[in-house]
Amino acid sequence: MTKVTISKDHIEIKGHAMYDVHGRDIVCASISCIVITSVNGILSIDESYLKYSNKSGYISIDILKHDKIVDRLIDNMINLLKELSDQYKKNIQIKEV
């Protein structure tokens, strides 16, 4: 199961969804797509907004600056992850702290 932990200035995504075997796991692919697209969009505006780390089965995002655009993009990313979690409850869990 993928576990997403969200706080005001930090988002951590750990684990693999285990929906299917590696290379065919649509839940893992969806999580990666949602998160990496959001991170890349924010970094394309200004690289000083975020610091992130991406390794196999682990993504860590530190939000260094907040503004209207960044907060909307982060909120959109979180909402998309929540929608995915609603559809695949056994594969992705979201916790807000």
PDB file of N, CA and C in Angstrom:
ATOM      1  N   MET A   1       0.838  -1.183   0.000  1.00  0.00           N
ATOM      2  CA  MET A   1       0.000   0.000   0.000  1.00  0.00           C
ATOM      3  C   MET A   1       0.883   1.247   0.000  1.00  0.00           C
ATOM      4  N   THR A   2       0.456   2.238  -0.760  1.00  0.00           N
ATOM      5  CA  THR A   2       1.131   3.532  -0.755  1.00  0.00           C
ATOM      6  C   THR A   2       0.507   4.386   0.334  1.00  0.00           C
ATOM      7  N   LYS A   3       1.350   4.994   1.164  1.00  0.00           N
ATOM      8  CA  LYS A   3       0.880   5.868   2.235  1.00  0.00           C
ATOM      9  C   LYS A   3       1.333   7.290   1.957  1.00  0.00           C
ATOM     10  N   VAL A   4       0.372   8.197   1.944  1.00  0.00           N
ATOM     11  CA  VAL A   4       0.627   9.611   1.696  1.00  0.00           C
ATOM     12  C   VAL A   4       0.365  10.359   2.989  1.00  0.00           C
ATOM     13  N   THR A   5       1.380  11.086   3.467  1.00  0.00           N
ATOM     14  CA  THR A   5       1.240  11.903   4.670  1.00  0.00           C
ATOM     15  C   THR A   5       1.386  13.363   4.255  1.00  0.00           C
ATOM     16  N   ILE A   6       0.404  14.163   4.657  1.00  0.00           N
ATOM     17  CA  ILE A   6       0.340  15.563   4.222  1.00  0.00           C
ATOM     18  C   ILE A   6       0.336  16.478   5.440  1.00  0.00           C
ATOM     19  N   SER A   7       1.220  17.463   5.425  1.00  0.00           N
ATOM     20  CA  SER A   7       1.165  18.551   6.396  1.00  0.00           C
ATOM     21  C   SER A   7       1.290  19.857   5.610  1.00  0.00           C
ATOM     22  N   LYS A   8       1.255  20.961   6.300  1.00  0.00           N
ATOM     23  CA  LYS A   8       1.250  22.267   5.619  1.00  0.00           C
ATOM     24  C   LYS A   8       2.471  22.456   4.727  1.00  0.00           C
ATOM     25  N   ASP A   9       3.640  22.047   5.182  1.00  0.00           N
ATOM     26  CA  ASP A   9       4.870  22.318   4.449  1.00  0.00           C
ATOM     27  C   ASP A   9       5.588  21.058   3.961  1.00  0.00           C
ATOM     28  N   HIS A  10       4.957  19.889   4.120  1.00  0.00           N
ATOM     29  CA  HIS A  10       5.641  18.647   3.736  1.00  0.00           C
ATOM     30  C   HIS A  10       4.638  17.588   3.272  1.00  0.00           C
ATOM     31  N   ILE A  11       5.009  16.890   2.226  1.00  0.00           N
ATOM     32  CA  ILE A  11       4.222  15.758   1.731  1.00  0.00           C
ATOM     33  C   ILE A  11       5.184  14.599   1.529  1.00  0.00           C
ATOM     34  N   GLU A  12       4.790  13.447   2.059  1.00  0.00           N
ATOM     35  CA  GLU A  12       5.627  12.257   1.942  1.00  0.00           C
ATOM     36  C   GLU A  12       4.786  11.118   1.366  1.00  0.00           C
ATOM     37  N   ILE A  13       5.323  10.448   0.373  1.00  0.00           N
ATOM     38  CA  ILE A  13       4.647   9.333  -0.275  1.00  0.00           C
ATOM     39  C   ILE A  13       5.573   8.132  -0.189  1.00  0.00           C
ATOM     40  N   LYS A  14       5.087   7.060   0.491  1.00  0.00           N
ATOM     41  CA  LYS A  14       5.924   5.884   0.732  1.00  0.00           C
ATOM     42  C   LYS A  14       5.213   4.625   0.273  1.00  0.00           C
ATOM     43  N   GLY A  15       5.999   3.720  -0.273  1.00  0.00           N
ATOM     44  CA  GLY A  15       5.509   2.385  -0.574  1.00  0.00           C
ATOM     45  C   GLY A  15       4.973   2.237  -1.977  1.00  0.00           C
ATOM     46  N   HIS A  16       4.676   1.012  -2.315  1.00  0.00           N
ATOM     47  CA  HIS A  16       4.119   0.680  -3.626  1.00  0.00           C
ATOM     48  C   HIS A  16       2.663   0.281  -3.438  1.00  0.00           C
ATOM     49  N   ALA A  17       1.834   0.598  -4.397  1.00  0.00           N
ATOM     50  CA  ALA A  17       0.398   0.365  -4.287  1.00  0.00           C
ATOM     51  C   ALA A  17       0.035  -1.119  -4.270  1.00  0.00           C
ATOM     52  N   MET A  18       0.818  -1.939  -4.940  1.00  0.00           N
ATOM     53  CA  MET A  18       0.594  -3.382  -4.989  1.00  0.00           C
ATOM     54  C   MET A  18      -0.744  -3.755  -5.640  1.00  0.00           C
ATOM     55  N   TYR A  19      -1.208  -2.911  -6.546  1.00  0.00           N
ATOM     56  CA  TYR A  19      -2.427  -3.221  -7.288  1.00  0.00           C
ATOM     57  C   TYR A  19      -2.166  -4.330  -8.300  1.00  0.00           C
ATOM     58  N   ASP A  20      -0.963  -4.297  -8.892  1.00  0.00           N
ATOM     59  CA  ASP A  20      -0.559  -5.291  -9.887  1.00  0.00           C
ATOM     60  C   ASP A  20       0.960  -5.416  -9.823  1.00  0.00           C
ATOM     61  N   VAL A  21       1.523  -6.246 -10.656  1.00  0.00           N
ATOM     62  CA  VAL A  21       2.973  -6.434 -10.677  1.00  0.00           C
ATOM     63  C   VAL A  21       3.662  -5.176 -11.197  1.00  0.00           C
ATOM     64  N   HIS A  22       4.931  -5.048 -10.838  1.00  0.00           N
ATOM     65  CA  HIS A  22       5.737  -3.916 -11.295  1.00  0.00           C
ATOM     66  C   HIS A  22       5.654  -3.804 -12.822  1.00  0.00           C
ATOM     67  N   GLY A  23       5.417  -2.606 -13.294  1.00  0.00           N
ATOM     68  CA  GLY A  23       5.309  -2.368 -14.733  1.00  0.00           C
ATOM     69  C   GLY A  23       3.875  -2.390 -15.237  1.00  0.00           C
ATOM     70  N   ARG A  24       2.955  -2.928 -14.425  1.00  0.00           N
ATOM     71  CA  ARG A  24       1.539  -2.956 -14.821  1.00  0.00           C
ATOM     72  C   ARG A  24       0.632  -2.405 -13.727  1.00  0.00           C
ATOM     73  N   ASP A  25       1.221  -1.758 -12.746  1.00  0.00           N
ATOM     74  CA  ASP A  25       0.464  -1.239 -11.609  1.00  0.00           C
ATOM     75  C   ASP A  25      -0.073   0.151 -11.941  1.00  0.00           C
ATOM     76  N   ILE A  26      -1.351   0.198 -12.319  1.00  0.00           N
ATOM     77  CA  ILE A  26      -1.947   1.474 -12.740  1.00  0.00           C
ATOM     78  C   ILE A  26      -2.092   2.460 -11.584  1.00  0.00           C
ATOM     79  N   VAL A  27      -2.211   1.958 -10.359  1.00  0.00           N
ATOM     80  CA  VAL A  27      -2.340   2.853  -9.210  1.00  0.00           C
ATOM     81  C   VAL A  27      -1.001   3.540  -8.938  1.00  0.00           C
ATOM     82  N   CYS A  28       0.079   2.756  -8.930  1.00  0.00           N
ATOM     83  CA  CYS A  28       1.416   3.349  -8.742  1.00  0.00           C
ATOM     84  C   CYS A  28       1.718   4.357  -9.855  1.00  0.00           C
ATOM     85  N   ALA A  29       1.392   3.981 -11.068  1.00  0.00           N
ATOM     86  CA  ALA A  29       1.638   4.875 -12.204  1.00  0.00           C
ATOM     87  C   ALA A  29       0.827   6.159 -12.069  1.00  0.00           C
ATOM     88  N   SER A  30      -0.398   6.046 -11.609  1.00  0.00           N
ATOM     89  CA  SER A  30      -1.247   7.233 -11.431  1.00  0.00           C
ATOM     90  C   SER A  30      -0.698   8.145 -10.345  1.00  0.00           C
ATOM     91  N   ILE A  31      -0.283   7.562  -9.232  1.00  0.00           N
ATOM     92  CA  ILE A  31       0.295   8.357  -8.139  1.00  0.00           C
ATOM     93  C   ILE A  31       1.526   9.106  -8.638  1.00  0.00           C
ATOM     94  N   SER A  32       2.420   8.380  -9.297  1.00  0.00           N
ATOM     95  CA  SER A  32       3.649   9.000  -9.816  1.00  0.00           C
ATOM     96  C   SER A  32       3.332  10.121 -10.792  1.00  0.00           C
ATOM     97  N   CYS A  33       2.407   9.866 -11.680  1.00  0.00           N
ATOM     98  CA  CYS A  33       2.041  10.875 -12.688  1.00  0.00           C
ATOM     99  C   CYS A  33       1.471  12.134 -12.030  1.00  0.00           C
ATOM    100  N   ILE A  34       0.551  11.956 -11.102  1.00  0.00           N
ATOM    101  CA  ILE A  34      -0.062  13.089 -10.408  1.00  0.00           C
ATOM    102  C   ILE A  34       1.002  13.914  -9.694  1.00  0.00           C
ATOM    103  N   VAL A  35       1.851  13.246  -8.934  1.00  0.00           N
ATOM    104  CA  VAL A  35       2.818  13.947  -8.088  1.00  0.00           C
ATOM    105  C   VAL A  35       3.923  14.593  -8.924  1.00  0.00           C
ATOM    106  N   ILE A  36       4.523  13.850  -9.833  1.00  0.00           N
ATOM    107  CA  ILE A  36       5.640  14.385 -10.620  1.00  0.00           C
ATOM    108  C   ILE A  36       5.184  15.503 -11.549  1.00  0.00           C
ATOM    109  N   THR A  37       3.996  15.377 -12.126  1.00  0.00           N
ATOM    110  CA  THR A  37       3.470  16.457 -12.970  1.00  0.00           C
ATOM    111  C   THR A  37       3.252  17.722 -12.148  1.00  0.00           C
ATOM    112  N   SER A  38       2.712  17.570 -10.938  1.00  0.00           N
ATOM    113  CA  SER A  38       2.492  18.730 -10.064  1.00  0.00           C
ATOM    114  C   SER A  38       3.807  19.371  -9.647  1.00  0.00           C
ATOM    115  N   VAL A  39       4.765  18.556  -9.229  1.00  0.00           N
ATOM    116  CA  VAL A  39       6.080  19.066  -8.824  1.00  0.00           C
ATOM    117  C   VAL A  39       6.757  19.777  -9.987  1.00  0.00           C
ATOM    118  N   ASN A  40       6.762  19.158 -11.157  1.00  0.00           N
ATOM    119  CA  ASN A  40       7.396  19.780 -12.323  1.00  0.00           C
ATOM    120  C   ASN A  40       6.715  21.088 -12.711  1.00  0.00           C
ATOM    121  N   GLY A  41       5.390  21.141 -12.585  1.00  0.00           N
ATOM    122  CA  GLY A  41       4.666  22.383 -12.885  1.00  0.00           C
ATOM    123  C   GLY A  41       5.079  23.509 -11.956  1.00  0.00           C
ATOM    124  N   ILE A  42       5.184  23.203 -10.669  1.00  0.00           N
ATOM    125  CA  ILE A  42       5.592  24.223  -9.697  1.00  0.00           C
ATOM    126  C   ILE A  42       7.035  24.644  -9.942  1.00  0.00           C
ATOM    127  N   LEU A  43       7.917  23.682 -10.160  1.00  0.00           N
ATOM    128  CA  LEU A  43       9.328  24.014 -10.394  1.00  0.00           C
ATOM    129  C   LEU A  43       9.529  24.807 -11.678  1.00  0.00           C
ATOM    130  N   SER A  44       8.645  24.617 -12.662  1.00  0.00           N
ATOM    131  CA  SER A  44       8.768  25.387 -13.912  1.00  0.00           C
ATOM    132  C   SER A  44       8.432  26.865 -13.687  1.00  0.00           C
ATOM    133  N   ILE A  45       7.654  27.142 -12.650  1.00  0.00           N
ATOM    134  CA  ILE A  45       7.333  28.530 -12.308  1.00  0.00           C
ATOM    135  C   ILE A  45       8.509  29.162 -11.571  1.00  0.00           C
ATOM    136  N   ASP A  46       9.009  28.436 -10.557  1.00  0.00           N
ATOM    137  CA  ASP A  46      10.123  28.950  -9.768  1.00  0.00           C
ATOM    138  C   ASP A  46      10.703  27.791  -8.958  1.00  0.00           C
ATOM    139  N   GLU A  47      11.960  27.473  -9.179  1.00  0.00           N
ATOM    140  CA  GLU A  47      12.595  26.342  -8.510  1.00  0.00           C
ATOM    141  C   GLU A  47      12.756  26.531  -7.006  1.00  0.00           C
ATOM    142  N   SER A  48      12.599  27.749  -6.533  1.00  0.00           N
ATOM    143  CA  SER A  48      12.789  27.990  -5.099  1.00  0.00           C
ATOM    144  C   SER A  48      11.549  27.654  -4.267  1.00  0.00           C
ATOM    145  N   TYR A  49      10.445  27.274  -4.909  1.00  0.00           N
ATOM    146  CA  TYR A  49       9.219  26.958  -4.177  1.00  0.00           C
ATOM    147  C   TYR A  49       9.267  25.605  -3.469  1.00  0.00           C
ATOM    148  N   LEU A  50       9.974  24.648  -4.068  1.00  0.00           N
ATOM    149  CA  LEU A  50       9.973  23.283  -3.537  1.00  0.00           C
ATOM    150  C   LEU A  50      11.367  22.701  -3.450  1.00  0.00           C
ATOM    151  N   LYS A  51      11.493  21.743  -2.555  1.00  0.00           N
ATOM    152  CA  LYS A  51      12.646  20.852  -2.514  1.00  0.00           C
ATOM    153  C   LYS A  51      12.044  19.453  -2.496  1.00  0.00           C
ATOM    154  N   TYR A  52      12.523  18.577  -3.365  1.00  0.00           N
ATOM    155  CA  TYR A  52      11.938  17.245  -3.363  1.00  0.00           C
ATOM    156  C   TYR A  52      12.974  16.171  -3.636  1.00  0.00           C
ATOM    157  N   SER A  53      12.605  14.964  -3.230  1.00  0.00           N
ATOM    158  CA  SER A  53      13.442  13.792  -3.421  1.00  0.00           C
ATOM    159  C   SER A  53      12.545  12.697  -3.992  1.00  0.00           C
ATOM    160  N   ASN A  54      13.039  11.978  -4.987  1.00  0.00           N
ATOM    161  CA  ASN A  54      12.255  10.928  -5.641  1.00  0.00           C
ATOM    162  C   ASN A  54      13.129   9.694  -5.790  1.00  0.00           C
ATOM    163  N   LYS A  55      12.777   8.640  -5.063  1.00  0.00           N
ATOM    164  CA  LYS A  55      13.473   7.354  -5.136  1.00  0.00           C
ATOM    165  C   LYS A  55      12.417   6.282  -5.337  1.00  0.00           C
ATOM    166  N   SER A  56      12.828   5.098  -5.633  1.00  0.00           N
ATOM    167  CA  SER A  56      11.868   4.006  -5.820  1.00  0.00           C
ATOM    168  C   SER A  56      11.020   3.814  -4.566  1.00  0.00           C
ATOM    169  N   GLY A  57       9.730   4.005  -4.719  1.00  0.00           N
ATOM    170  CA  GLY A  57       8.819   3.812  -3.601  1.00  0.00           C
ATOM    171  C   GLY A  57       8.807   4.926  -2.577  1.00  0.00           C
ATOM    172  N   TYR A  58       9.406   6.078  -2.901  1.00  0.00           N
ATOM    173  CA  TYR A  58       9.471   7.166  -1.925  1.00  0.00           C
ATOM    174  C   TYR A  58       9.592   8.520  -2.627  1.00  0.00           C
ATOM    175  N   ILE A  59       8.702   9.433  -2.255  1.00  0.00           N
ATOM    176  CA  ILE A  59       8.793  10.819  -2.716  1.00  0.00           C
ATOM    177  C   ILE A  59       8.588  11.711  -1.499  1.00  0.00           C
ATOM    178  N   SER A  60       9.464  12.685  -1.343  1.00  0.00           N
ATOM    179  CA  SER A  60       9.365  13.658  -0.268  1.00  0.00           C
ATOM    180  C   SER A  60       9.344  15.048  -0.886  1.00  0.00           C
ATOM    181  N   ILE A  61       8.368  15.851  -0.485  1.00  0.00           N
ATOM    182  CA  ILE A  61       8.238  17.211  -1.007  1.00  0.00           C
ATOM    183  C   ILE A  61       8.199  18.183   0.157  1.00  0.00           C
ATOM    184  N   ASP A  62       9.125  19.129   0.162  1.00  0.00           N
ATOM    185  CA  ASP A  62       9.114  20.223   1.135  1.00  0.00           C
ATOM    186  C   ASP A  62       8.659  21.473   0.406  1.00  0.00           C
ATOM    187  N   ILE A  63       7.609  22.091   0.914  1.00  0.00           N
ATOM    188  CA  ILE A  63       7.097  23.330   0.326  1.00  0.00           C
ATOM    189  C   ILE A  63       7.810  24.472   1.038  1.00  0.00           C
ATOM    190  N   LEU A  64       8.674  25.162   0.303  1.00  0.00           N
ATOM    191  CA  LEU A  64       9.520  26.203   0.890  1.00  0.00           C
ATOM    192  C   LEU A  64       8.875  27.577   0.880  1.00  0.00           C
ATOM    193  N   LYS A  65       7.996  27.813  -0.102  1.00  0.00           N
ATOM    194  CA  LYS A  65       7.301  29.099  -0.214  1.00  0.00           C
ATOM    195  C   LYS A  65       5.856  28.833  -0.588  1.00  0.00           C
ATOM    196  N   HIS A  66       4.963  29.601   0.019  1.00  0.00           N
ATOM    197  CA  HIS A  66       3.544  29.495  -0.309  1.00  0.00           C
ATOM    198  C   HIS A  66       3.118  30.758  -1.049  1.00  0.00           C
ATOM    199  N   ASP A  67       2.341  30.586  -2.077  1.00  0.00           N
ATOM    200  CA  ASP A  67       1.631  31.684  -2.714  1.00  0.00           C
ATOM    201  C   ASP A  67       0.383  31.097  -3.353  1.00  0.00           C
ATOM    202  N   LYS A  68      -0.418  31.925  -3.962  1.00  0.00           N
ATOM    203  CA  LYS A  68      -1.708  31.499  -4.497  1.00  0.00           C
ATOM    204  C   LYS A  68      -1.569  30.367  -5.519  1.00  0.00           C
ATOM    205  N   ILE A  69      -0.636  30.488  -6.428  1.00  0.00           N
ATOM    206  CA  ILE A  69      -0.470  29.498  -7.490  1.00  0.00           C
ATOM    207  C   ILE A  69       0.054  28.176  -6.932  1.00  0.00           C
ATOM    208  N   VAL A  70       1.100  28.238  -6.139  1.00  0.00           N
ATOM    209  CA  VAL A  70       1.687  27.015  -5.568  1.00  0.00           C
ATOM    210  C   VAL A  70       0.655  26.290  -4.710  1.00  0.00           C
ATOM    211  N   ASP A  71      -0.041  27.032  -3.862  1.00  0.00           N
ATOM    212  CA  ASP A  71      -1.035  26.402  -2.997  1.00  0.00           C
ATOM    213  C   ASP A  71      -2.159  25.762  -3.812  1.00  0.00           C
ATOM    214  N   ARG A  72      -2.570  26.387  -4.889  1.00  0.00           N
ATOM    215  CA  ARG A  72      -3.604  25.789  -5.754  1.00  0.00           C
ATOM    216  C   ARG A  72      -3.104  24.518  -6.421  1.00  0.00           C
ATOM    217  N   LEU A  73      -1.870  24.534  -6.894  1.00  0.00           N
ATOM    218  CA  LEU A  73      -1.315  23.339  -7.537  1.00  0.00           C
ATOM    219  C   LEU A  73      -1.146  22.199  -6.530  1.00  0.00           C
ATOM    220  N   ILE A  74      -0.700  22.502  -5.330  1.00  0.00           N
ATOM    221  CA  ILE A  74      -0.571  21.487  -4.281  1.00  0.00           C
ATOM    222  C   ILE A  74      -1.957  20.960  -3.895  1.00  0.00           C
ATOM    223  N   ASP A  75      -2.927  21.855  -3.719  1.00  0.00           N
ATOM    224  CA  ASP A  75      -4.292  21.426  -3.395  1.00  0.00           C
ATOM    225  C   ASP A  75      -4.866  20.536  -4.496  1.00  0.00           C
ATOM    226  N   ASN A  76      -4.600  20.888  -5.739  1.00  0.00           N
ATOM    227  CA  ASN A  76      -5.072  20.074  -6.864  1.00  0.00           C
ATOM    228  C   ASN A  76      -4.436  18.684  -6.813  1.00  0.00           C
ATOM    229  N   MET A  77      -3.137  18.625  -6.551  1.00  0.00           N
ATOM    230  CA  MET A  77      -2.446  17.342  -6.447  1.00  0.00           C
ATOM    231  C   MET A  77      -3.065  16.493  -5.335  1.00  0.00           C
ATOM    232  N   ILE A  78      -3.300  17.094  -4.179  1.00  0.00           N
ATOM    233  CA  ILE A  78      -3.879  16.373  -3.046  1.00  0.00           C
ATOM    234  C   ILE A  78      -5.289  15.885  -3.383  1.00  0.00           C
ATOM    235  N   ASN A  79      -6.089  16.732  -4.018  1.00  0.00           N
ATOM    236  CA  ASN A  79      -7.449  16.326  -4.397  1.00  0.00           C
ATOM    237  C   ASN A  79      -7.435  15.159  -5.376  1.00  0.00           C
ATOM    238  N   LEU A  80      -6.513  15.173  -6.332  1.00  0.00           N
ATOM    239  CA  LEU A  80      -6.398  14.060  -7.275  1.00  0.00           C
ATOM    240  C   LEU A  80      -5.988  12.774  -6.562  1.00  0.00           C
ATOM    241  N   LEU A  81      -5.061  12.873  -5.621  1.00  0.00           N
ATOM    242  CA  LEU A  81      -4.660  11.698  -4.840  1.00  0.00           C
ATOM    243  C   LEU A  81      -5.821  11.177  -3.994  1.00  0.00           C
ATOM    244  N   LYS A  82      -6.626  12.075  -3.427  1.00  0.00           N
ATOM    245  CA  LYS A  82      -7.792  11.661  -2.642  1.00  0.00           C
ATOM    246  C   LYS A  82      -8.824  10.956  -3.521  1.00  0.00           C
ATOM    247  N   GLU A  83      -9.049  11.464  -4.726  1.00  0.00           N
ATOM    248  CA  GLU A  83      -9.966  10.798  -5.652  1.00  0.00           C
ATOM    249  C   GLU A  83      -9.464   9.396  -5.981  1.00  0.00           C
ATOM    250  N   LEU A  84      -8.185   9.257  -6.204  1.00  0.00           N
ATOM    251  CA  LEU A  84      -7.595   7.948  -6.484  1.00  0.00           C
ATOM    252  C   LEU A  84      -7.766   7.031  -5.272  1.00  0.00           C
ATOM    253  N   SER A  85      -7.554   7.576  -4.086  1.00  0.00           N
ATOM    254  CA  SER A  85      -7.702   6.808  -2.857  1.00  0.00           C
ATOM    255  C   SER A  85      -9.143   6.331  -2.665  1.00  0.00           C
ATOM    256  N   ASP A  86     -10.107   7.153  -3.048  1.00  0.00           N
ATOM    257  CA  ASP A  86     -11.513   6.755  -2.948  1.00  0.00           C
ATOM    258  C   ASP A  86     -11.809   5.541  -3.831  1.00  0.00           C
ATOM    259  N   GLN A  87     -11.143   5.459  -4.976  1.00  0.00           N
ATOM    260  CA  GLN A  87     -11.367   4.355  -5.906  1.00  0.00           C
ATOM    261  C   GLN A  87     -10.555   3.118  -5.560  1.00  0.00           C
ATOM    262  N   TYR A  88      -9.398   3.297  -4.921  1.00  0.00           N
ATOM    263  CA  TYR A  88      -8.486   2.190  -4.628  1.00  0.00           C
ATOM    264  C   TYR A  88      -8.081   2.211  -3.156  1.00  0.00           C
ATOM    265  N   LYS A  89      -9.059   2.022  -2.286  1.00  0.00           N
ATOM    266  CA  LYS A  89      -8.851   2.119  -0.839  1.00  0.00           C
ATOM    267  C   LYS A  89      -7.814   1.127  -0.307  1.00  0.00           C
ATOM    268  N   LYS A  90      -7.670  -0.018  -0.943  1.00  0.00           N
ATOM    269  CA  LYS A  90      -6.717  -1.022  -0.487  1.00  0.00           C
ATOM    270  C   LYS A  90      -5.288  -0.727  -0.948  1.00  0.00           C
ATOM    271  N   ASN A  91      -5.133   0.289  -1.809  1.00  0.00           N
ATOM    272  CA  ASN A  91      -3.827   0.525  -2.425  1.00  0.00           C
ATOM    273  C   ASN A  91      -3.203   1.869  -2.105  1.00  0.00           C
ATOM    274  N   ILE A  92      -4.004   2.836  -1.666  1.00  0.00           N
ATOM    275  CA  ILE A  92      -3.459   4.151  -1.319  1.00  0.00           C
ATOM    276  C   ILE A  92      -4.228   4.708  -0.124  1.00  0.00           C
ATOM    277  N   GLN A  93      -3.462   5.158   0.859  1.00  0.00           N
ATOM    278  CA  GLN A  93      -4.041   5.716   2.083  1.00  0.00           C
ATOM    279  C   GLN A  93      -3.476   7.126   2.264  1.00  0.00           C
ATOM    280  N   ILE A  94      -4.347   8.071   2.596  1.00  0.00           N
ATOM    281  CA  ILE A  94      -3.922   9.457   2.782  1.00  0.00           C
ATOM    282  C   ILE A  94      -4.211   9.876   4.220  1.00  0.00           C
ATOM    283  N   LYS A  95      -3.186  10.480   4.829  1.00  0.00           N
ATOM    284  CA  LYS A  95      -3.288  10.949   6.213  1.00  0.00           C
ATOM    285  C   LYS A  95      -2.841  12.396   6.245  1.00  0.00           C
ATOM    286  N   GLU A  96      -3.703  13.263   6.799  1.00  0.00           N
ATOM    287  CA  GLU A  96      -3.341  14.668   6.961  1.00  0.00           C
ATOM    288  C   GLU A  96      -3.002  14.898   8.425  1.00  0.00           C
ATOM    289  N   VAL A  97      -1.844  15.515   8.658  1.00  0.00           N
ATOM    290  CA  VAL A  97      -1.406  15.767  10.037  1.00  0.00           C
ATOM    291  C   VAL A  97      -1.277  17.243  10.315  1.00  0.00           C
TER     292      VAL A  97
END
